[in-house]
Protein backbone atom coordinates (compact mmCIF):
# COMPACT_ATOMS: atom_id res chain seq x y z
CA MET A 1 11.04 -41.55 48.21
CA LEU A 2 11.91 -38.88 45.76
CA ASN A 3 12.52 -35.34 47.29
CA LYS A 4 9.04 -33.49 47.11
CA THR A 5 11.06 -30.57 45.12
CA LEU A 6 12.50 -32.77 42.76
CA LEU A 7 9.09 -34.62 42.12
CA ASN A 8 7.39 -31.57 41.54
CA THR A 9 9.94 -30.25 39.00
CA LEU A 10 9.68 -33.72 36.99
CA VAL A 11 5.93 -33.42 36.78
CA LEU A 12 5.99 -29.53 35.48
CA ALA A 13 8.68 -30.75 33.07
CA ALA A 14 6.59 -33.70 31.73
CA LEU A 15 3.19 -31.25 31.48
CA SER A 16 5.23 -28.72 29.53
CA ALA A 17 6.87 -31.05 27.22
CA PRO A 18 3.86 -31.51 24.97
CA ALA A 19 3.37 -27.70 24.77
CA LEU A 20 6.93 -27.06 23.52
CA ALA A 21 6.81 -29.85 21.13
CA MET A 22 3.62 -28.33 19.92
CA ALA A 23 5.23 -24.86 19.34
CA GLU A 24 8.06 -26.28 17.73
CA ASP A 25 6.08 -28.35 15.45
CA ALA A 26 3.52 -25.41 14.68
CA PRO A 27 3.27 -25.26 10.88
CA ALA A 28 4.13 -22.04 9.04
CA SER A 29 1.40 -19.74 8.03
CA PRO A 30 0.23 -20.12 4.51
CA ASN A 31 -0.13 -16.32 4.06
CA THR A 32 2.70 -14.32 3.00
CA PHE A 33 2.45 -10.50 2.82
CA THR A 34 5.19 -8.46 1.26
CA ALA A 35 6.09 -4.88 0.01
CA ASN A 36 8.10 -3.19 -2.41
CA VAL A 37 9.43 0.27 -3.54
CA GLY A 38 11.75 1.53 -6.20
CA LEU A 39 13.13 4.39 -8.25
CA VAL A 40 13.77 4.42 -11.82
CA THR A 41 15.62 6.72 -14.04
CA ASP A 42 12.71 6.36 -16.75
CA TYR A 43 9.59 4.27 -16.42
CA LEU A 44 9.57 2.05 -19.56
CA TYR A 45 6.23 -0.22 -20.01
CA ARG A 46 6.88 -2.57 -23.27
CA GLY A 47 9.66 -0.56 -24.09
CA ILE A 48 7.69 2.99 -24.22
CA SER A 49 8.49 5.78 -21.94
CA GLN A 50 5.74 6.57 -19.33
CA THR A 51 7.72 9.61 -17.75
CA ASN A 52 9.34 11.41 -20.79
CA GLY A 53 12.46 10.06 -19.89
CA LYS A 54 12.22 11.51 -16.20
CA PRO A 55 12.59 9.33 -12.81
CA ALA A 56 9.56 7.70 -11.74
CA LEU A 57 8.88 6.28 -7.96
CA GLN A 58 7.20 3.27 -7.71
CA GLY A 59 5.99 0.59 -5.11
CA GLY A 60 3.50 -1.89 -4.33
CA PHE A 61 1.92 -4.47 -1.77
CA ASP A 62 1.49 -8.22 -2.39
CA TYR A 63 -0.36 -11.00 -0.93
CA ALA A 64 0.53 -14.61 -1.60
CA HIS A 65 -1.00 -17.96 -0.30
CA ALA A 66 0.59 -21.40 -0.05
CA SER A 67 -1.87 -22.67 -2.76
CA GLY A 68 -0.33 -20.41 -5.43
CA PHE A 69 -3.03 -17.66 -5.29
CA TYR A 70 -1.96 -14.26 -5.14
CA ALA A 71 -3.01 -10.50 -5.22
CA GLY A 72 -1.66 -7.07 -5.18
CA VAL A 73 -1.66 -3.56 -6.06
CA TRP A 74 1.34 -1.32 -7.56
CA GLY A 75 1.74 2.04 -8.53
CA SER A 76 4.13 4.55 -10.47
CA SER A 77 4.09 8.10 -11.14
CA ILE A 78 3.44 8.62 -14.97
CA SER A 79 2.96 11.53 -17.44
CA TRP A 80 2.43 9.68 -20.82
CA LEU A 81 -1.20 11.07 -21.33
CA THR A 82 0.23 14.30 -21.84
CA ASP A 83 3.49 13.52 -23.40
CA ALA A 84 1.74 11.60 -26.21
CA GLY A 85 0.97 14.86 -27.83
CA ALA A 86 -2.31 16.83 -28.60
CA GLY A 87 -3.96 13.91 -29.72
CA LEU A 88 -3.91 12.20 -26.33
CA GLN A 89 -3.77 15.04 -23.95
CA VAL A 90 -6.84 14.96 -21.55
CA ALA A 91 -8.62 17.93 -19.57
CA SER A 92 -7.16 16.52 -16.62
CA SER A 93 -3.99 14.31 -17.28
CA SER A 94 -3.48 11.37 -14.91
CA GLN A 95 -0.05 11.55 -12.98
CA LEU A 96 -0.62 8.15 -11.50
CA GLU A 97 -0.78 4.52 -12.92
CA LEU A 98 -2.21 2.28 -10.32
CA ASP A 99 -2.44 -1.58 -10.91
CA THR A 100 -4.44 -4.20 -9.42
CA TYR A 101 -4.14 -7.75 -10.16
CA PHE A 102 -4.49 -11.41 -9.00
CA GLY A 103 -3.63 -14.74 -9.95
CA PHE A 104 -2.64 -18.22 -9.55
CA LYS A 105 1.04 -19.70 -9.95
CA ASN A 106 2.79 -22.86 -9.15
CA SER A 107 5.65 -25.09 -10.33
CA PHE A 108 5.26 -28.56 -11.71
CA ALA A 109 7.81 -31.19 -12.96
CA ASP A 110 10.80 -29.73 -11.05
CA ASP A 111 11.86 -27.09 -13.62
CA PHE A 112 8.39 -25.69 -15.05
CA SER A 113 6.23 -23.31 -13.64
CA TYR A 114 2.86 -21.50 -14.78
CA ASP A 115 1.06 -18.22 -14.03
CA VAL A 116 -2.27 -17.28 -15.03
CA GLY A 117 -4.28 -14.12 -13.72
CA PHE A 118 -5.89 -10.68 -14.49
CA LEU A 119 -4.56 -7.21 -14.58
CA ARG A 120 -6.37 -3.90 -14.42
CA TYR A 121 -4.39 -0.46 -15.08
CA ASN A 122 -5.92 2.22 -13.57
CA TYR A 123 -5.54 5.95 -14.95
CA PRO A 124 -7.51 8.27 -12.97
CA ALA A 125 -8.16 11.16 -15.01
CA THR A 126 -10.78 13.41 -16.69
CA TYR A 127 -11.10 12.59 -20.55
CA PRO A 128 -12.79 14.42 -23.59
CA ALA A 129 -15.89 13.17 -25.17
CA THR A 130 -14.20 12.36 -28.64
CA MET A 131 -10.77 11.71 -30.25
CA ASN A 132 -10.25 12.82 -33.83
CA ILE A 133 -8.82 10.41 -36.39
CA ALA A 134 -8.54 11.23 -39.95
CA THR A 135 -11.50 8.92 -40.86
CA GLY A 136 -13.74 10.45 -38.40
CA THR A 137 -14.48 11.31 -34.74
CA THR A 138 -14.53 8.37 -32.42
CA PRO A 139 -15.48 8.04 -28.90
CA TRP A 140 -12.80 8.57 -26.35
CA ALA A 141 -11.79 5.67 -24.17
CA LYS A 142 -10.41 6.08 -20.59
CA ALA A 143 -6.86 4.76 -20.30
CA ASP A 144 -8.13 2.19 -17.86
CA THR A 145 -7.29 -1.24 -19.31
CA ASN A 146 -8.31 -4.66 -18.35
CA GLU A 147 -5.97 -7.70 -19.36
CA VAL A 148 -5.92 -11.28 -18.78
CA TYR A 149 -2.49 -13.22 -19.00
CA GLY A 150 -1.06 -16.53 -18.97
CA ALA A 151 2.69 -17.57 -18.64
CA LEU A 152 4.62 -20.87 -18.85
CA GLY A 153 8.49 -20.95 -17.42
CA TYR A 154 10.89 -23.42 -17.86
CA LYS A 155 14.16 -22.88 -15.58
CA PHE A 156 15.28 -18.98 -16.24
CA LEU A 157 13.09 -18.62 -19.38
CA THR A 158 9.38 -17.40 -19.43
CA ALA A 159 6.92 -16.88 -22.00
CA LYS A 160 3.92 -14.87 -21.38
CA TYR A 161 0.76 -13.86 -23.22
CA SER A 162 -1.46 -10.79 -22.49
CA TYR A 163 -5.06 -10.19 -24.00
CA SER A 164 -6.96 -7.11 -23.64
CA LEU A 165 -10.70 -7.37 -22.74
CA GLY A 166 -11.68 -3.96 -24.29
CA ASN A 167 -10.63 -0.50 -24.50
CA THR A 168 -6.75 -0.29 -24.39
CA PHE A 169 -4.56 2.61 -23.00
CA ALA A 170 -7.16 5.00 -24.26
CA LEU A 171 -7.88 3.18 -27.68
CA PRO A 172 -11.63 2.43 -27.82
CA ASN A 173 -13.01 -0.87 -29.27
CA ALA A 174 -9.52 -2.41 -28.98
CA LYS A 175 -10.58 -5.95 -27.65
CA GLY A 176 -8.23 -8.72 -28.80
CA THR A 177 -5.16 -6.22 -28.47
CA ASN A 178 -2.32 -8.40 -27.23
CA TYR A 179 1.26 -8.49 -25.87
CA VAL A 180 3.45 -11.71 -26.24
CA GLU A 181 6.72 -11.77 -24.63
CA LEU A 182 9.93 -13.97 -23.97
CA ASN A 183 11.55 -12.95 -20.69
CA ALA A 184 14.88 -14.82 -19.28
CA ASN A 185 16.47 -14.17 -15.90
CA TYR A 186 19.66 -15.94 -15.32
CA PRO A 187 21.24 -15.91 -11.84
CA ILE A 188 24.96 -16.33 -11.57
CA ALA A 189 25.54 -18.34 -8.69
CA ASP A 190 26.91 -16.73 -5.37
CA THR A 191 27.27 -13.21 -6.89
CA GLY A 192 24.29 -11.80 -6.41
CA ILE A 193 23.97 -10.72 -10.09
CA THR A 194 21.23 -11.85 -12.41
CA LEU A 195 21.42 -11.37 -16.28
CA THR A 196 18.08 -10.36 -18.04
CA GLY A 197 17.02 -10.51 -21.52
CA HIS A 198 13.63 -9.58 -23.05
CA ILE A 199 11.51 -9.57 -26.43
CA GLY A 200 8.14 -8.53 -26.83
CA LYS A 201 5.50 -7.59 -29.45
CA GLN A 202 2.34 -5.35 -28.98
CA THR A 203 -0.20 -5.95 -31.55
CA TYR A 204 -3.27 -3.53 -31.55
CA LYS A 205 -6.67 -4.96 -32.51
CA GLY A 206 -9.99 -3.66 -33.41
CA VAL A 207 -12.06 -1.17 -35.44
CA THR A 208 -10.30 1.85 -33.85
CA ALA A 209 -6.85 0.51 -34.47
CA ASP A 210 -7.78 -0.47 -38.04
CA GLN A 211 -8.72 3.44 -38.49
CA LEU A 212 -5.39 4.56 -37.02
CA VAL A 213 -3.52 2.34 -39.46
CA ALA A 214 -5.45 3.91 -42.41
CA ALA A 215 -4.69 7.33 -41.06
CA GLY A 216 -1.04 6.63 -41.06
CA PHE A 217 -0.71 5.56 -37.46
CA THR A 218 1.39 2.51 -36.64
CA PRO A 219 0.42 1.26 -33.08
CA THR A 220 2.15 -2.22 -33.44
CA TYR A 221 5.59 -2.57 -32.49
CA THR A 222 8.44 -4.76 -30.98
CA ASP A 223 10.70 -4.11 -28.11
CA TYR A 224 13.79 -5.70 -26.80
CA LYS A 225 15.75 -5.38 -23.61
CA VAL A 226 19.19 -6.68 -22.05
CA GLY A 227 20.20 -5.99 -18.51
CA VAL A 228 21.84 -6.96 -15.30
CA THR A 229 20.86 -6.61 -11.59
CA LYS A 230 22.77 -6.93 -8.56
CA ASP A 231 21.37 -7.66 -5.13
CA ILE A 232 23.15 -5.60 -2.48
CA SER A 233 22.16 -6.35 1.20
CA GLY A 234 18.44 -6.38 -0.02
CA PHE A 235 18.91 -3.68 -2.18
CA VAL A 236 18.71 -4.60 -5.86
CA LEU A 237 20.57 -2.35 -8.33
CA GLY A 238 19.88 -2.52 -11.93
CA LEU A 239 20.88 -1.41 -15.28
CA ALA A 240 19.03 -2.03 -18.53
CA TYR A 241 19.12 -0.97 -22.29
CA SER A 242 15.87 -1.14 -24.07
CA LYS A 243 15.21 -0.71 -27.86
CA THR A 244 12.07 -0.46 -30.15
CA ASN A 245 10.85 -0.34 -33.45
CA ALA A 246 7.94 1.95 -32.66
CA LYS A 247 7.29 4.36 -35.65
CA ASP A 248 7.24 8.14 -35.08
CA ALA A 249 3.90 7.63 -36.92
CA GLY A 250 2.48 6.27 -33.77
CA TYR A 251 4.80 7.24 -30.93
CA TYR A 252 6.32 10.35 -31.65
CA SER A 253 5.67 13.07 -28.76
CA THR A 254 4.78 16.41 -30.28
CA VAL A 255 5.39 17.79 -26.60
CA LEU A 256 8.58 16.65 -26.20
CA ASN A 257 9.67 16.32 -30.03
CA THR A 258 11.03 12.72 -29.39
CA ASN A 259 9.90 9.02 -30.09
CA LEU A 260 8.77 7.72 -26.69
CA GLY A 261 10.17 4.23 -27.94
CA LYS A 262 13.78 5.39 -28.68
CA SER A 263 16.58 3.21 -27.49
CA LYS A 264 17.65 4.22 -23.82
CA ALA A 265 19.65 2.84 -20.84
CA VAL A 266 17.78 2.88 -17.61
CA LEU A 267 19.04 2.63 -14.02
CA SER A 268 16.81 1.20 -11.12
CA LEU A 269 16.92 0.56 -7.34
CA THR A 270 14.25 -1.59 -5.37
CA ARG A 271 13.89 -3.12 -2.08
CA ALA A 272 11.40 -5.63 -1.17
CA PHE A 273 10.21 -5.87 2.48
């Protein structure tokens, strides 16, 4: 007969084995929560300075599900509503951009990926009743903007199309305004270095855009960017050079006496958690 103590030990071991196996085999959570924070020497959006060449503090929170669904919020300090000049200054200029978004993305056929979603740009501020255009007085639109987007990726290349659903960055009656872009992110193996490239075109549509063009304003433009990033123990240091063909008749700041789309180099430091 087995020793009583040994028998008890074997019984306890047998009973605990399934529990250990269950703990080891427990599936990973389908939910992922992340956060990010960053500092840039100039916040460029589609090649146009949002902070009159000054640094911006940025950050956000993201949720992702294993199915491909995601949602998040992201914010940055800004000053463009005032920087654009007298024509776009508001009674209480917003110093904050707060974006909210959701979508669905996934990969297929090994090297391909897709991403579709909705993005709302929020700019809390107090706006005047009208804006003056040479052809007449037009009701002012809040800078808040709603876009839907779709992207298709192949290896390190991604093509994306964004479509505005209405008023666009303070321009009223601008449904159909769109931005088409091609982005490249090429990682160099075992170095933590990624080479980046970008070309995009912002095209304004709608009655108000037509009025602005007739008045000599040129809202449509193309932007280009090349850069490099380096991952240093979780901190990502970046350097990029941006250039646009944005015309002074459209993007010249009378406040700063400069074109907000002029060529410039930007440094960035970001960290994800």
